[in-house]
């Protein structure tokens, strides 16, 4: 008689391919095997799923809020947990709560809270600091008056914090950092991404060579691709070792532009799904405040559009399952590829592909049961239903 968690009745996607008529076996929180269903007949702890897809749990690298909470408003461990719980019902089993540009004090409090939250193993991997070292010319919904160059105190804080949590991810602008600072951050274990910048392709390439390995929400708040000035978009698509998040919500980028980028991206670096979600995901509220400004919902096909009073996009109302569906319906992706963009690729970008993003021997048994139309039904974390 086999022991442990056994899941049957759904097509199993292990991060690379589908298995039909198979069962997933998890022991001690990790995947032990995927075997033909006949091999687990009569075993204990069998959960029979009613069709659909069993896939690796989603990993969100950029998520500002959820469940009515925004990290900037309350940079506490509890806010990290509320955000994680709010997104879990949409298939996200690991995430990086994201702090947008704020004061040095709020940034410090958020980093300290991330260290504590990551220790609790609630699916919180660490933190994504999207600012304050961004360019006012590409501020988006961030407050330009809080943006500034990185200094020695900032470097010390980030380098120390990187050793105290699984993942510390920062978005910086080429205008506010030097290649030497990026090199120091990456050597300390910080994952550096470029975003909210008006840099040239040459400036971006210098920072990629210094260790930056990501771009934050492709196309949005960055220098565009043109035939004589490739900008950050062109540099990132052409750099094989650079990865990038996309917000597949129908508002942040036209599907045509995303399809072009997906075809153009040189590997092995990939584009992957992020939500850039605000507090309204998992909440019944219709508006919230961001740095004293009201953000409200407007109707949308895939999800609502979140805008300031002047019409500026202010994050998204997207969840990861909706992003996966958008990839299949609008971006001409196979189900397998859109699922990889929500799990395997972000895991690889963060350096955690041996732990998450796949349902293979030894990986954490973090998985999501999806309906045939790719809506999240149930999630497991370390083999336990949550």
Protein backbone atom coordinates (compact mmCIF):
# COMPACT_ATOMS: atom_id res chain seq x y z
CA UNK A 1 0.00 0.00 0.00
CA UNK A 2 1.44 3.36 -1.03
CA UNK A 3 1.58 6.23 1.43
CA UNK A 4 1.46 9.98 0.86
CA UNK A 5 -0.66 12.31 -1.23
CA UNK A 6 -1.89 10.78 -4.48
CA UNK A 7 -3.75 12.83 -7.10
CA UNK A 8 -5.54 11.17 -10.01
CA UNK A 9 -8.28 11.91 -12.52
CA UNK A 10 -6.72 14.87 -14.37
CA UNK A 11 -4.22 15.25 -17.17
CA UNK A 12 -0.87 15.91 -15.50
CA UNK A 13 1.47 18.54 -16.93
CA UNK A 14 4.92 18.20 -15.35
CA UNK A 15 6.27 21.45 -16.77
CA UNK A 16 7.42 19.87 -20.02
CA UNK A 17 4.75 17.46 -21.24
CA UNK A 18 1.34 15.99 -20.50
CA UNK A 19 0.62 12.59 -18.94
CA UNK A 20 -2.81 11.08 -19.52
CA UNK A 21 -4.19 8.34 -17.27
CA UNK A 22 -1.48 8.91 -14.66
CA UNK A 23 -1.29 9.75 -10.96
CA UNK A 24 0.95 12.17 -9.09
CA UNK A 25 2.49 10.81 -5.88
CA UNK A 26 3.88 13.22 -3.29
CA UNK A 27 5.68 12.30 -0.07
CA UNK A 28 7.05 14.65 2.57
CA UNK A 29 5.89 17.62 0.53
CA UNK A 30 7.78 16.68 -2.63
CA UNK A 31 7.00 14.89 -5.86
CA UNK A 32 7.93 11.23 -5.67
CA UNK A 33 6.66 10.03 -9.04
CA UNK A 34 4.13 10.27 -11.84
CA UNK A 35 2.89 6.73 -12.53
CA UNK A 36 0.06 5.03 -14.45
CA UNK A 37 -3.17 5.16 -12.44
CA UNK A 38 -3.29 1.35 -12.30
CA UNK A 39 -0.22 1.40 -10.04
CA UNK A 40 -2.04 3.28 -7.28
CA UNK A 41 -5.23 1.22 -7.30
CA UNK A 42 -6.27 0.57 -3.70
CA UNK A 43 -3.69 3.01 -2.26
CA UNK A 44 -4.57 5.26 0.66
CA UNK A 45 -4.79 9.05 0.50
CA UNK A 46 -6.01 9.11 -3.09
CA UNK A 47 -7.76 12.29 -4.24
CA UNK A 48 -9.81 11.77 -7.39
CA UNK A 49 -10.01 14.90 -9.54
CA UNK A 50 -12.85 15.41 -11.98
CA UNK A 51 -10.93 15.93 -15.20
CA UNK A 52 -9.08 19.10 -16.09
CA UNK A 53 -5.33 19.69 -15.78
CA UNK A 54 -2.97 19.25 -12.84
CA UNK A 55 -0.06 21.64 -13.41
CA UNK A 56 2.83 23.17 -11.46
CA UNK A 57 1.71 26.00 -9.20
CA UNK A 58 2.08 29.47 -10.67
CA UNK A 59 4.93 31.80 -9.67
CA UNK A 60 4.28 35.55 -9.78
CA UNK A 61 7.40 37.73 -9.84
CA UNK A 62 5.51 41.04 -9.67
CA UNK A 63 2.41 41.44 -7.50
CA UNK A 64 1.74 44.67 -5.62
CA UNK A 65 -1.30 43.58 -3.67
CA UNK A 66 -4.39 41.47 -3.28
CA UNK A 67 -7.23 40.73 -0.90
CA UNK A 68 -7.76 44.43 -0.28
CA UNK A 69 -4.15 45.00 0.82
CA UNK A 70 -1.36 46.92 -0.89
CA UNK A 71 2.22 46.40 0.26
CA UNK A 72 3.04 50.12 0.12
CA UNK A 73 0.22 50.90 2.54
CA UNK A 74 1.22 48.36 5.18
CA UNK A 75 4.72 46.88 4.75
CA UNK A 76 4.21 44.18 7.38
CA UNK A 77 4.55 40.37 7.33
CA UNK A 78 0.77 40.06 7.60
CA UNK A 79 0.33 42.01 4.35
CA UNK A 80 2.65 39.54 2.61
CA UNK A 81 0.47 36.68 3.86
CA UNK A 82 -2.81 38.37 2.84
CA UNK A 83 -1.48 38.96 -0.67
CA UNK A 84 -0.30 35.34 -0.92
CA UNK A 85 -3.67 33.98 0.25
CA UNK A 86 -5.61 36.22 -2.14
CA UNK A 87 -3.69 34.98 -5.18
CA UNK A 88 -3.58 31.34 -4.12
CA UNK A 89 -7.15 30.72 -5.25
CA UNK A 90 -6.05 31.72 -8.76
CA UNK A 91 -3.31 29.08 -8.84
CA UNK A 92 -0.36 31.07 -7.50
CA UNK A 93 1.66 29.04 -5.00
CA UNK A 94 4.76 31.27 -4.83
CA UNK A 95 5.15 34.99 -5.36
CA UNK A 96 7.17 38.14 -4.81
CA UNK A 97 5.05 40.85 -3.17
CA UNK A 98 6.15 44.07 -4.83
CA UNK A 99 6.82 47.49 -3.35
CA UNK A 100 6.61 50.36 -5.83
CA UNK A 101 8.59 53.57 -5.39
CA UNK A 102 8.34 54.85 -1.83
CA UNK A 103 10.39 56.50 0.90
CA UNK A 104 13.59 55.01 2.32
CA UNK A 105 11.79 54.22 5.57
CA UNK A 106 8.94 52.33 3.90
CA UNK A 107 11.45 50.46 1.76
CA UNK A 108 13.43 49.43 4.82
CA UNK A 109 10.29 48.26 6.64
CA UNK A 110 9.18 46.26 3.60
CA UNK A 111 12.56 44.52 3.35
CA UNK A 112 12.47 43.61 7.04
CA UNK A 113 8.90 42.31 6.69
CA UNK A 114 9.90 40.23 3.66
CA UNK A 115 12.68 38.54 5.63
CA UNK A 116 10.19 37.53 8.31
CA UNK A 117 7.43 36.53 5.88
CA UNK A 118 9.74 34.32 3.81
CA UNK A 119 10.67 32.37 6.94
CA UNK A 120 7.01 31.42 7.45
CA UNK A 121 6.88 29.46 4.15
CA UNK A 122 3.53 30.86 3.04
CA UNK A 123 4.56 30.85 -0.60
CA UNK A 124 6.35 34.18 -0.07
CA UNK A 125 9.73 33.93 -1.78
CA UNK A 126 10.97 37.37 -0.74
CA UNK A 127 10.28 40.79 -2.22
CA UNK A 128 10.41 42.71 -5.48
CA UNK A 129 11.47 46.34 -5.03
CA UNK A 130 10.20 48.25 -8.06
CA UNK A 131 11.90 51.53 -7.20
CA UNK A 132 12.84 54.04 -5.96
CA UNK A 133 15.81 53.96 -8.36
CA UNK A 134 13.70 54.60 -11.46
CA UNK A 135 13.63 57.37 -14.08
CA UNK A 136 11.06 60.16 -13.65
CA UNK A 137 10.71 60.37 -17.43
CA UNK A 138 9.21 56.85 -17.35
CA UNK A 139 7.45 57.05 -14.00
CA UNK A 140 4.09 55.55 -14.99
CA UNK A 141 1.93 55.56 -11.84
CA UNK A 142 4.96 55.95 -9.54
CA UNK A 143 5.70 59.24 -7.79
CA UNK A 144 8.57 60.97 -9.59
CA UNK A 145 9.49 63.03 -6.54
CA UNK A 146 10.48 59.87 -4.66
CA UNK A 147 12.78 58.57 -7.41
CA UNK A 148 16.51 58.97 -6.85
CA UNK A 149 19.94 57.53 -7.67
CA UNK A 150 21.17 54.51 -5.75
CA UNK A 151 23.68 55.38 -3.04
CA UNK A 152 26.00 53.42 -0.77
CA UNK A 153 23.40 53.06 1.97
CA UNK A 154 20.95 51.55 -0.51
CA UNK A 155 23.60 49.12 -1.73
CA UNK A 156 24.46 48.00 1.78
CA UNK A 157 20.78 47.40 2.66
CA UNK A 158 20.15 45.34 -0.47
CA UNK A 159 23.34 43.30 -0.28
CA UNK A 160 22.67 42.40 3.37
CA UNK A 161 19.02 41.57 2.74
CA UNK A 162 19.84 39.29 -0.21
CA UNK A 163 21.46 36.82 2.17
CA UNK A 164 18.43 36.73 4.48
CA UNK A 165 15.63 35.68 2.10
CA UNK A 166 15.31 33.24 -0.80
CA UNK A 167 14.79 35.96 -3.44
CA UNK A 168 15.49 39.68 -3.50
CA UNK A 169 14.49 41.17 -6.85
CA UNK A 170 14.97 44.84 -7.72
CA UNK A 171 13.89 46.91 -10.70
CA UNK A 172 16.21 49.81 -11.52
CA UNK A 173 16.61 52.37 -14.28
CA UNK A 174 19.87 52.85 -16.15
CA UNK A 175 19.67 56.55 -15.29
CA UNK A 176 19.87 55.83 -11.55
CA UNK A 177 22.49 53.07 -11.20
CA UNK A 178 25.99 52.33 -12.46
CA UNK A 179 27.32 49.09 -13.93
CA UNK A 180 29.56 48.76 -10.88
CA UNK A 181 26.55 48.94 -8.56
CA UNK A 182 24.69 46.34 -10.61
CA UNK A 183 27.73 44.06 -10.51
CA UNK A 184 27.95 44.39 -6.74
CA UNK A 185 24.25 43.63 -6.32
CA UNK A 186 24.33 40.53 -8.48
CA UNK A 187 27.43 39.21 -6.76
CA UNK A 188 25.52 39.55 -3.46
CA UNK A 189 22.67 37.45 -4.89
CA UNK A 190 20.23 40.21 -5.86
CA UNK A 191 18.28 39.63 -9.09
CA UNK A 192 18.46 42.90 -11.03
CA UNK A 193 15.86 43.85 -13.63
CA UNK A 194 15.69 46.98 -15.79
CA UNK A 195 12.49 48.97 -16.01
CA UNK A 196 10.95 52.45 -15.85
CA UNK A 197 13.87 53.72 -17.90
CA UNK A 198 14.46 55.75 -21.06
CA UNK A 199 17.85 54.15 -21.67
CA UNK A 200 19.43 53.42 -25.02
CA UNK A 201 20.06 49.85 -26.11
CA UNK A 202 23.80 50.38 -25.50
CA UNK A 203 23.16 51.57 -21.95
CA UNK A 204 20.92 48.56 -21.32
CA UNK A 205 23.54 46.20 -22.73
CA UNK A 206 26.19 47.60 -20.39
CA UNK A 207 23.96 46.78 -17.43
CA UNK A 208 23.15 43.34 -18.81
CA UNK A 209 26.88 42.72 -19.08
CA UNK A 210 27.23 43.84 -15.46
CA UNK A 211 24.74 41.20 -14.32
CA UNK A 212 21.20 42.52 -14.82
CA UNK A 213 19.18 39.59 -16.13
CA UNK A 214 15.59 40.79 -16.41
CA UNK A 215 13.25 43.46 -17.69
CA UNK A 216 10.13 44.54 -15.85
CA UNK A 217 6.78 44.46 -17.74
CA UNK A 218 8.01 44.47 -21.33
CA UNK A 219 6.93 47.53 -23.38
CA UNK A 220 5.55 49.43 -20.39
CA UNK A 221 7.50 52.39 -18.98
CA UNK A 222 10.59 51.81 -21.11
CA UNK A 223 12.30 53.07 -24.26
CA UNK A 224 10.63 51.53 -27.29
CA UNK A 225 12.03 49.64 -30.27
CA UNK A 226 12.57 51.62 -33.45
CA UNK A 227 14.70 50.97 -36.50
CA UNK A 228 17.63 53.22 -35.49
CA UNK A 229 17.12 53.27 -31.71
CA UNK A 230 16.33 49.75 -30.42
CA UNK A 231 15.86 51.00 -26.85
CA UNK A 232 15.40 48.69 -23.89
CA UNK A 233 12.76 46.65 -25.74
CA UNK A 234 15.14 45.84 -28.59
CA UNK A 235 18.12 45.19 -26.33
CA UNK A 236 16.14 42.81 -24.13
CA UNK A 237 14.62 40.82 -26.98
CA UNK A 238 18.04 40.44 -28.60
CA UNK A 239 19.92 39.46 -25.40
CA UNK A 240 19.78 35.67 -25.04
CA UNK A 241 20.43 35.53 -21.30
CA UNK A 242 17.82 38.17 -20.39
CA UNK A 243 14.32 37.25 -19.17
CA UNK A 244 11.24 39.43 -19.00
CA UNK A 245 7.76 39.66 -17.54
CA UNK A 246 4.67 40.50 -19.58
CA UNK A 247 1.28 41.67 -18.30
CA UNK A 248 -1.15 39.73 -20.49
CA UNK A 249 -4.34 41.58 -19.59
CA UNK A 250 -5.32 43.28 -22.86
CA UNK A 251 -4.55 46.73 -21.43
CA UNK A 252 -0.80 47.01 -20.86
CA UNK A 253 0.26 45.81 -24.32
CA UNK A 254 -1.58 45.04 -27.52
CA UNK A 255 -1.74 41.32 -28.27
CA UNK A 256 -0.03 41.90 -31.62
CA UNK A 257 2.95 43.51 -29.89
CA UNK A 258 3.16 40.62 -27.43
CA UNK A 259 2.96 38.01 -30.19
CA UNK A 260 5.80 39.77 -32.03
CA UNK A 261 7.91 39.86 -28.85
CA UNK A 262 7.30 36.18 -28.10
CA UNK A 263 8.45 35.23 -31.59
CA UNK A 264 11.43 37.61 -31.48
CA UNK A 265 12.85 36.76 -28.03
CA UNK A 266 16.25 35.15 -28.30
CA UNK A 267 16.83 32.28 -25.87
CA UNK A 268 17.62 30.74 -23.54
CA UNK A 269 16.00 33.67 -21.69
CA UNK A 270 12.21 33.71 -21.98
CA UNK A 271 9.22 35.96 -21.49
CA UNK A 272 6.90 34.94 -18.65
CA UNK A 273 3.58 35.92 -17.12
CA UNK A 274 3.35 38.42 -14.25
CA UNK A 275 0.23 40.08 -12.90
CA UNK A 276 1.44 43.46 -11.56
CA UNK A 277 -1.75 43.06 -9.52
CA UNK A 278 -3.05 45.67 -7.13
CA UNK A 279 -5.15 45.27 -3.99
CA UNK A 280 -8.45 44.70 -5.81
CA UNK A 281 -7.62 41.13 -6.90
CA UNK A 282 -9.56 38.89 -4.53
CA UNK A 283 -11.48 41.90 -3.20
CA UNK A 284 -14.98 43.26 -3.81
CA UNK A 285 -13.77 46.87 -3.75
CA UNK A 286 -13.98 48.99 -6.90
CA UNK A 287 -11.26 51.52 -6.08
CA UNK A 288 -8.28 52.14 -3.80
CA UNK A 289 -5.74 54.84 -2.99
CA UNK A 290 -2.18 54.85 -4.27
CA UNK A 291 0.07 57.49 -2.72
CA UNK A 292 -2.98 59.65 -2.03
CA UNK A 293 -4.44 59.25 -5.54
CA UNK A 294 -7.60 57.32 -6.34
CA UNK A 295 -7.32 54.31 -8.65
CA UNK A 296 -10.57 52.92 -10.03
CA UNK A 297 -11.73 49.98 -12.08
CA UNK A 298 -12.90 50.24 -15.68
CA UNK A 299 -14.47 47.26 -17.51
CA UNK A 300 -12.25 45.03 -19.65
CA UNK A 301 -12.54 41.84 -21.69
CA UNK A 302 -10.06 39.71 -19.70
CA UNK A 303 -10.02 41.72 -16.50
CA UNK A 304 -10.79 45.24 -15.35
CA UNK A 305 -8.50 48.13 -16.20
CA UNK A 306 -7.03 50.07 -13.26
CA UNK A 307 -6.42 53.76 -13.93
CA UNK A 308 -5.70 57.01 -12.14
CA UNK A 309 -8.01 59.98 -12.68
CA UNK A 310 -5.81 61.13 -15.58
CA UNK A 311 -6.12 57.76 -17.32
CA UNK A 312 -2.63 56.48 -16.44
CA UNK A 313 -2.51 52.71 -15.92
CA UNK A 314 -1.88 51.90 -12.26
CA UNK A 315 -1.01 48.22 -12.03
CA UNK A 316 -3.51 45.57 -13.03
CA UNK A 317 -6.54 43.63 -11.89
CA UNK A 318 -5.07 40.44 -13.38
CA UNK A 319 -4.61 37.04 -11.78
CA UNK A 320 -2.22 34.39 -13.10
CA UNK A 321 -4.89 31.97 -14.33
CA UNK A 322 -6.42 34.78 -16.41
CA UNK A 323 -2.98 35.56 -17.82
CA UNK A 324 -2.54 31.92 -18.82
CA UNK A 325 -5.95 31.94 -20.56
CA UNK A 326 -5.08 35.18 -22.36
CA UNK A 327 -1.88 33.58 -23.61
CA UNK A 328 -3.83 30.74 -25.20
CA UNK A 329 -6.77 32.80 -26.47
CA UNK A 330 -5.01 35.94 -27.70
CA UNK A 331 -1.30 35.22 -28.02
CA UNK A 332 -1.56 31.98 -30.01
CA UNK A 333 0.33 30.02 -27.37
CA UNK A 334 -0.18 26.34 -26.75
CA UNK A 335 -1.60 25.42 -23.36
CA UNK A 336 1.78 23.91 -22.48
CA UNK A 337 3.70 27.09 -23.33
CA UNK A 338 1.34 29.44 -21.52
CA UNK A 339 1.56 27.20 -18.43
CA UNK A 340 5.37 27.23 -18.65
CA UNK A 341 5.24 31.03 -18.75
CA UNK A 342 3.41 30.96 -15.43
CA UNK A 343 5.62 28.38 -13.70
CA UNK A 344 8.73 26.89 -15.32
CA UNK A 345 10.06 30.13 -16.79
CA UNK A 346 9.67 32.35 -13.71
CA UNK A 347 11.17 29.53 -11.63
CA UNK A 348 14.20 29.40 -13.92
CA UNK A 349 14.53 33.19 -13.94
CA UNK A 350 14.60 33.22 -10.13
CA UNK A 351 17.06 30.33 -10.02
CA UNK A 352 14.61 27.96 -8.33
CA UNK A 353 13.77 25.49 -11.10
CA UNK A 354 14.98 22.54 -9.00
CA UNK A 355 12.38 23.41 -6.35
CA UNK A 356 9.42 24.89 -8.22
CA UNK A 357 7.93 25.25 -11.67
CA UNK A 358 7.90 21.51 -12.42
CA UNK A 359 6.23 18.37 -11.09
CA UNK A 360 9.32 16.19 -11.28
CA UNK A 361 11.13 13.96 -8.82
CA UNK A 362 12.27 15.98 -5.81
CA UNK A 363 10.41 19.19 -6.67
CA UNK A 364 8.02 20.71 -4.16
CA UNK A 365 4.53 19.31 -4.67
CA UNK A 366 3.12 22.76 -5.43
CA UNK A 367 0.37 22.29 -7.97
CA UNK A 368 -2.87 23.73 -9.28
CA UNK A 369 -5.92 21.89 -10.58
CA UNK A 370 -7.33 23.75 -13.58
CA UNK A 371 -10.59 23.24 -15.41
CA UNK A 372 -10.50 22.45 -19.11
CA UNK A 373 -10.97 26.18 -19.79
CA UNK A 374 -7.97 26.99 -17.54
CA UNK A 375 -9.72 28.32 -14.44
CA UNK A 376 -8.09 27.50 -11.12
CA UNK A 377 -10.12 25.07 -9.01
CA UNK A 378 -7.79 24.04 -6.17
CA UNK A 379 -4.14 24.32 -5.16
CA UNK A 380 -1.71 22.23 -3.17
CA UNK A 381 1.42 23.52 -1.50
CA UNK A 382 4.05 20.96 -0.49
CA UNK A 383 1.45 18.27 -1.15
CA UNK A 384 -1.24 19.76 1.10
CA UNK A 385 -4.44 21.24 -0.24
CA UNK A 386 -4.70 24.93 0.59
